[in-house]
């Protein structure tokens, strides 16, 4: 008896839900998607729709399914279907803003997804030349490999399309991470870091670290006064060894550029260093226990300029 009553109640609920669906035509509504991916559905004259569940059918095929809240704003999931009946896009809206957007292939397979939300992040400040904390409306994109569930890459944006970070994958394993204006990491097939590049906005140095089997193998620190540090990115640079030709001879141009290369023992101790600065190379070698074994300095030799004939 109880089971019979339950079935009757469920049937009545389903009938009520079906009766609450408001069917609209394509010419009855206006769909607007703004640059921040906020989705708004209005009447054709741009006035608000009344509260309810809506469905748009084209050629007997469900094309759009959405809800309007008591304030007249789009709320919940907006489902857009392809001509073949498969779901093409699912947009989730909360408090008038898009929180998630998911796209599907022609076969109904998930292809990419984007998540939106307010987050506390760090962004480069051109005035202080530092990475400063900031509250930002973040767009987080995920893209899958074609007709696959494997993640290909993800990208984070802040505000007006400013890229924060990029992450690339191989077989769902992180291949590389780029944090704009801060660092870049590369990984092997086991997820172990193989190299790391960092940008120091206080000293204007670029540091590159290279690893073998998860241990630091060698590093390079480079400073170049020709580096163009702007808006959180190193946009262009000259070579560390700036030269010029005087009276047909290659000479070192006066500058503050330098590179420091360091090689490490497996125990993490420094094995050797090489510093290039002011037209000279200073080399040092150390024992596994840190004792200086050898040191030498020499001038950097440059090849003579090649004179092109007429």
Protein backbone atom coordinates (compact mmCIF):
# COMPACT_ATOMS: atom_id res chain seq x y z
CA UNK A 1 0.00 0.00 0.00
CA UNK A 2 2.81 2.38 0.95
CA UNK A 3 4.67 1.58 -2.27
CA UNK A 4 1.50 2.32 -4.29
CA UNK A 5 1.07 5.70 -2.58
CA UNK A 6 4.76 6.54 -3.25
CA UNK A 7 4.41 5.72 -6.95
CA UNK A 8 1.27 7.88 -7.23
CA UNK A 9 3.05 10.81 -5.55
CA UNK A 10 6.02 10.50 -7.92
CA UNK A 11 3.69 10.41 -10.93
CA UNK A 12 1.85 13.52 -9.71
CA UNK A 13 5.18 15.34 -9.16
CA UNK A 14 6.35 14.45 -12.65
CA UNK A 15 3.06 15.67 -14.17
CA UNK A 16 3.36 18.95 -12.24
CA UNK A 17 6.94 19.42 -13.38
CA UNK A 18 5.92 18.78 -16.98
CA UNK A 19 3.10 21.28 -16.67
CA UNK A 20 5.51 23.89 -15.23
CA UNK A 21 7.74 23.80 -18.32
CA UNK A 22 7.25 26.90 -20.45
CA UNK A 23 7.84 26.27 -24.14
CA UNK A 24 9.29 29.16 -26.12
CA UNK A 25 10.13 29.75 -29.78
CA UNK A 26 13.48 30.91 -31.12
CA UNK A 27 11.97 34.30 -32.00
CA UNK A 28 10.59 34.74 -28.47
CA UNK A 29 13.91 35.02 -26.62
CA UNK A 30 17.23 36.86 -26.76
CA UNK A 31 20.42 35.08 -25.60
CA UNK A 32 23.36 37.30 -24.66
CA UNK A 33 26.83 36.07 -23.63
CA UNK A 34 29.22 38.74 -22.37
CA UNK A 35 33.02 38.83 -22.41
CA UNK A 36 33.19 37.46 -18.88
CA UNK A 37 31.03 34.56 -20.20
CA UNK A 38 27.99 35.64 -18.18
CA UNK A 39 24.90 34.26 -19.93
CA UNK A 40 21.64 36.25 -19.95
CA UNK A 41 18.36 35.10 -21.50
CA UNK A 42 15.67 37.74 -22.01
CA UNK A 43 12.52 38.37 -23.98
CA UNK A 44 13.02 39.54 -27.55
CA UNK A 45 12.39 43.14 -26.45
CA UNK A 46 15.17 42.77 -23.78
CA UNK A 47 12.67 42.70 -20.91
CA UNK A 48 12.87 40.06 -18.18
CA UNK A 49 11.24 36.65 -18.47
CA UNK A 50 8.97 35.50 -15.67
CA UNK A 51 10.08 32.83 -13.22
CA UNK A 52 9.92 29.26 -14.47
CA UNK A 53 11.53 26.37 -16.35
CA UNK A 54 11.86 26.99 -20.10
CA UNK A 55 12.49 24.80 -23.11
CA UNK A 56 13.20 25.75 -26.69
CA UNK A 57 12.43 23.15 -29.34
CA UNK A 58 13.55 23.47 -32.97
CA UNK A 59 12.27 21.02 -35.58
CA UNK A 60 10.92 18.73 -32.88
CA UNK A 61 14.36 18.56 -31.24
CA UNK A 62 15.13 20.04 -27.82
CA UNK A 63 17.63 22.86 -28.37
CA UNK A 64 17.72 24.79 -25.09
CA UNK A 65 16.70 24.08 -21.49
CA UNK A 66 17.02 26.80 -18.82
CA UNK A 67 15.57 28.30 -15.64
CA UNK A 68 14.63 31.87 -14.69
CA UNK A 69 14.56 32.81 -10.99
CA UNK A 70 12.17 35.11 -9.13
CA UNK A 71 14.35 38.14 -10.02
CA UNK A 72 14.05 37.42 -13.73
CA UNK A 73 17.68 36.28 -14.02
CA UNK A 74 19.01 33.08 -15.56
CA UNK A 75 19.83 30.56 -12.82
CA UNK A 76 21.07 26.97 -12.53
CA UNK A 77 22.01 24.90 -15.58
CA UNK A 78 21.48 26.12 -19.13
CA UNK A 79 21.60 23.14 -21.49
CA UNK A 80 22.21 23.74 -25.21
CA UNK A 81 21.72 20.76 -27.55
CA UNK A 82 23.10 20.01 -31.01
CA UNK A 83 20.97 19.22 -34.05
CA UNK A 84 21.75 15.51 -33.58
CA UNK A 85 20.26 15.56 -30.07
CA UNK A 86 23.55 15.39 -28.17
CA UNK A 87 24.29 17.92 -25.46
CA UNK A 88 26.61 20.60 -26.86
CA UNK A 89 27.14 22.92 -23.90
CA UNK A 90 26.20 23.05 -20.23
CA UNK A 91 26.45 26.45 -18.51
CA UNK A 92 26.00 26.72 -14.75
CA UNK A 93 24.91 30.13 -13.44
CA UNK A 94 24.72 31.27 -9.81
CA UNK A 95 23.74 34.72 -8.54
CA UNK A 96 23.69 36.02 -12.11
CA UNK A 97 27.25 34.94 -12.97
CA UNK A 98 28.59 31.94 -14.83
CA UNK A 99 30.43 29.54 -12.50
CA UNK A 100 31.08 26.72 -14.98
CA UNK A 101 30.84 26.12 -18.71
CA UNK A 102 31.29 22.65 -20.21
CA UNK A 103 31.48 21.88 -23.94
CA UNK A 104 30.87 18.51 -25.61
CA UNK A 105 31.86 17.13 -29.01
CA UNK A 106 29.39 16.21 -31.76
CA UNK A 107 29.27 12.72 -30.24
CA UNK A 108 28.38 14.04 -26.79
CA UNK A 109 31.89 13.46 -25.39
CA UNK A 110 33.27 16.01 -22.94
CA UNK A 111 35.84 18.19 -24.75
CA UNK A 112 36.62 21.12 -22.45
CA UNK A 113 35.42 22.87 -19.33
CA UNK A 114 35.82 26.33 -17.80
CA UNK A 115 35.37 27.23 -14.13
CA UNK A 116 34.79 30.81 -12.97
CA UNK A 117 35.08 32.32 -9.50
CA UNK A 118 36.61 34.95 -7.25
CA UNK A 119 40.06 33.91 -5.96
CA UNK A 120 42.96 35.38 -3.98
CA UNK A 121 45.99 35.31 -6.29
CA UNK A 122 49.35 37.02 -6.93
CA UNK A 123 49.86 39.33 -9.91
CA UNK A 124 52.79 41.45 -11.04
CA UNK A 125 52.50 45.13 -10.08
CA UNK A 126 54.31 47.44 -12.53
CA UNK A 127 54.64 50.22 -9.93
CA UNK A 128 56.30 48.28 -7.11
CA UNK A 129 57.78 45.70 -9.53
CA UNK A 130 56.62 42.92 -7.23
CA UNK A 131 54.13 40.07 -7.21
CA UNK A 132 51.33 41.33 -4.96
CA UNK A 133 48.22 39.58 -3.58
CA UNK A 134 45.01 40.48 -5.38
CA UNK A 135 41.39 39.36 -5.39
CA UNK A 136 40.45 38.53 -8.95
CA UNK A 137 37.60 36.99 -10.96
CA UNK A 138 39.45 33.96 -12.33
CA UNK A 139 38.65 31.96 -15.45
CA UNK A 140 40.10 28.44 -15.27
CA UNK A 141 40.04 26.52 -18.57
CA UNK A 142 40.48 22.76 -19.00
CA UNK A 143 40.84 21.18 -22.45
CA UNK A 144 40.81 17.44 -23.15
CA UNK A 145 42.49 15.57 -25.98
CA UNK A 146 40.13 15.02 -28.91
CA UNK A 147 37.63 12.19 -28.25
CA UNK A 148 39.46 11.33 -25.05
CA UNK A 149 39.09 11.78 -21.31
CA UNK A 150 42.77 12.69 -21.00
CA UNK A 151 43.50 16.27 -19.97
CA UNK A 152 45.65 18.13 -22.52
CA UNK A 153 46.20 21.52 -20.88
CA UNK A 154 44.67 24.04 -18.50
CA UNK A 155 44.97 27.83 -18.42
CA UNK A 156 44.12 30.38 -15.74
CA UNK A 157 43.13 33.95 -16.58
CA UNK A 158 42.57 36.94 -14.33
CA UNK A 159 40.14 39.69 -15.26
CA UNK A 160 40.44 40.84 -18.89
CA UNK A 161 42.12 37.77 -20.35
CA UNK A 162 45.42 38.26 -18.47
CA UNK A 163 47.07 34.83 -18.44
CA UNK A 164 48.15 33.73 -14.96
CA UNK A 165 49.34 30.18 -15.57
CA UNK A 166 49.42 27.37 -18.12
CA UNK A 167 49.69 23.64 -17.35
CA UNK A 168 50.32 21.03 -20.07
CA UNK A 169 49.69 17.30 -19.66
CA UNK A 170 50.76 14.04 -21.26
CA UNK A 171 48.60 10.96 -20.49
CA UNK A 172 46.97 12.93 -17.65
CA UNK A 173 50.37 13.60 -16.08
CA UNK A 174 51.75 17.13 -15.68
CA UNK A 175 54.31 17.87 -18.41
CA UNK A 176 54.95 21.55 -17.67
CA UNK A 177 53.64 24.45 -15.59
CA UNK A 178 54.13 28.10 -16.56
CA UNK A 179 53.25 30.80 -14.05
CA UNK A 180 53.43 34.06 -15.98
CA UNK A 181 56.18 36.34 -14.71
CA UNK A 182 57.24 33.98 -11.94
CA UNK A 183 58.40 30.49 -12.87
CA UNK A 184 58.22 27.58 -15.32
CA UNK A 185 58.57 23.90 -14.39
CA UNK A 186 59.15 20.89 -16.68
CA UNK A 187 58.43 17.31 -15.58
CA UNK A 188 59.29 13.78 -16.78
CA UNK A 189 56.79 10.96 -17.41
CA UNK A 190 56.82 10.09 -13.69
CA UNK A 191 55.87 13.59 -12.60
CA UNK A 192 59.37 14.40 -11.31
CA UNK A 193 60.63 17.91 -12.02
CA UNK A 194 63.48 18.06 -14.59
CA UNK A 195 63.97 21.84 -14.79
CA UNK A 196 62.73 25.02 -13.17
CA UNK A 197 63.10 28.60 -14.42
CA UNK A 198 62.39 31.47 -12.02
CA UNK A 199 62.26 35.23 -12.56
CA UNK A 200 63.48 37.44 -9.71
CA UNK A 201 61.83 40.85 -9.98
CA UNK A 202 63.98 42.36 -7.22
CA UNK A 203 67.38 41.53 -8.74
CA UNK A 204 66.22 41.14 -12.40
CA UNK A 205 67.92 37.75 -12.47
CA UNK A 206 66.74 34.63 -14.27
CA UNK A 207 67.62 31.36 -12.53
CA UNK A 208 67.50 28.00 -14.31
CA UNK A 209 67.72 24.77 -12.31
CA UNK A 210 68.20 21.36 -13.96
CA UNK A 211 67.56 18.06 -12.17
CA UNK A 212 68.52 14.42 -12.66
CA UNK A 213 66.38 11.79 -10.93
CA UNK A 214 64.84 14.50 -8.78
CA UNK A 215 68.20 15.88 -7.57
CA UNK A 216 69.68 19.24 -8.56
CA UNK A 217 72.41 18.62 -11.18
CA UNK A 218 73.34 22.10 -12.39
CA UNK A 219 72.07 25.66 -12.32
CA UNK A 220 72.52 28.95 -14.14
CA UNK A 221 71.89 32.49 -12.89
CA UNK A 222 71.77 35.19 -15.53
CA UNK A 223 71.56 38.95 -15.24
CA UNK A 224 71.39 41.14 -18.32
CA UNK A 225 70.75 44.87 -18.35
CA UNK A 226 69.25 44.39 -21.80
CA UNK A 227 66.44 42.23 -20.43
CA UNK A 228 63.11 43.97 -20.90
CA UNK A 229 61.18 43.35 -17.68
CA UNK A 230 57.69 44.67 -18.23
CA UNK A 231 54.15 43.85 -17.04
CA UNK A 232 55.21 40.65 -15.35
CA UNK A 233 57.01 39.19 -18.37
CA UNK A 234 60.49 39.09 -19.85
CA UNK A 235 59.59 40.22 -23.35
CA UNK A 236 63.01 40.24 -25.04
CA UNK A 237 66.71 40.21 -24.25
CA UNK A 238 70.19 40.45 -25.71
CA UNK A 239 72.90 37.85 -25.21
CA UNK A 240 74.71 37.87 -21.88
CA UNK A 241 77.99 38.65 -23.63
CA UNK A 242 77.35 42.06 -25.22
CA UNK A 243 80.04 42.85 -27.80
CA UNK A 244 80.79 45.52 -30.34
CA UNK A 245 83.19 45.97 -33.25
CA UNK A 246 85.83 48.70 -32.96
CA UNK A 247 88.31 49.25 -35.83
CA UNK A 248 87.49 45.82 -37.19
CA UNK A 249 88.07 44.08 -33.83
CA UNK A 250 85.54 42.35 -31.57
CA UNK A 251 85.69 43.84 -28.08
CA UNK A 252 83.64 43.42 -24.90
CA UNK A 253 81.23 46.29 -24.37
CA UNK A 254 81.09 47.70 -20.86
CA UNK A 255 77.97 46.42 -19.08
CA UNK A 256 76.75 44.80 -15.89
CA UNK A 257 75.79 41.48 -17.48
CA UNK A 258 76.87 38.19 -15.94
CA UNK A 259 76.09 34.47 -15.84
CA UNK A 260 76.93 32.05 -13.04
CA UNK A 261 76.86 28.32 -13.85
CA UNK A 262 77.06 25.78 -11.01
CA UNK A 263 77.38 21.99 -11.19
CA UNK A 264 76.50 19.85 -8.15
CA UNK A 265 77.57 16.50 -6.73
CA UNK A 266 74.81 13.89 -6.08
CA UNK A 267 75.00 14.82 -2.37
CA UNK A 268 74.02 18.42 -3.20
CA UNK A 269 77.49 19.89 -2.65
CA UNK A 270 78.92 22.26 -5.27
CA UNK A 271 81.25 20.53 -7.73
CA UNK A 272 82.22 23.53 -9.85
CA UNK A 273 81.26 27.10 -10.71
CA UNK A 274 81.86 29.26 -13.76
CA UNK A 275 81.24 33.01 -13.66
CA UNK A 276 81.22 35.10 -16.85
CA UNK A 277 81.49 38.81 -16.17
CA UNK A 278 83.25 41.86 -17.61
CA UNK A 279 84.83 39.85 -20.44
CA UNK A 280 86.37 37.27 -18.09
CA UNK A 281 85.62 33.70 -17.02
CA UNK A 282 86.33 32.69 -13.42
CA UNK A 283 86.26 28.91 -12.91
CA UNK A 284 86.36 27.03 -9.59
CA UNK A 285 86.39 23.30 -8.77
CA UNK A 286 85.54 21.78 -5.39
CA UNK A 287 85.90 18.40 -3.68
CA UNK A 288 82.82 16.46 -2.48
CA UNK A 289 83.42 17.83 1.03
CA UNK A 290 83.48 21.45 -0.21
CA UNK A 291 87.23 22.15 -0.40
CA UNK A 292 88.51 24.39 -3.23
CA UNK A 293 90.64 22.25 -5.58
CA UNK A 294 91.29 24.57 -8.50
CA UNK A 295 90.67 28.14 -9.58
CA UNK A 296 91.54 29.95 -12.79
CA UNK A 297 90.60 33.11 -14.64
CA UNK A 298 90.86 33.90 -18.34
CA UNK A 299 89.68 36.43 -20.86
CA UNK A 300 86.74 35.60 -23.10
CA UNK A 301 87.97 35.23 -26.65
CA UNK A 302 85.73 36.29 -29.51
CA UNK A 303 86.00 35.20 -33.11
CA UNK A 304 87.02 37.98 -35.52
CA UNK A 305 84.21 39.52 -37.56
CA UNK A 306 83.43 37.94 -40.91
CA UNK A 307 83.83 40.52 -43.67
CA UNK A 308 81.31 40.00 -46.44
CA UNK A 309 82.52 40.70 -49.98
CA UNK A 310 80.55 42.63 -52.58
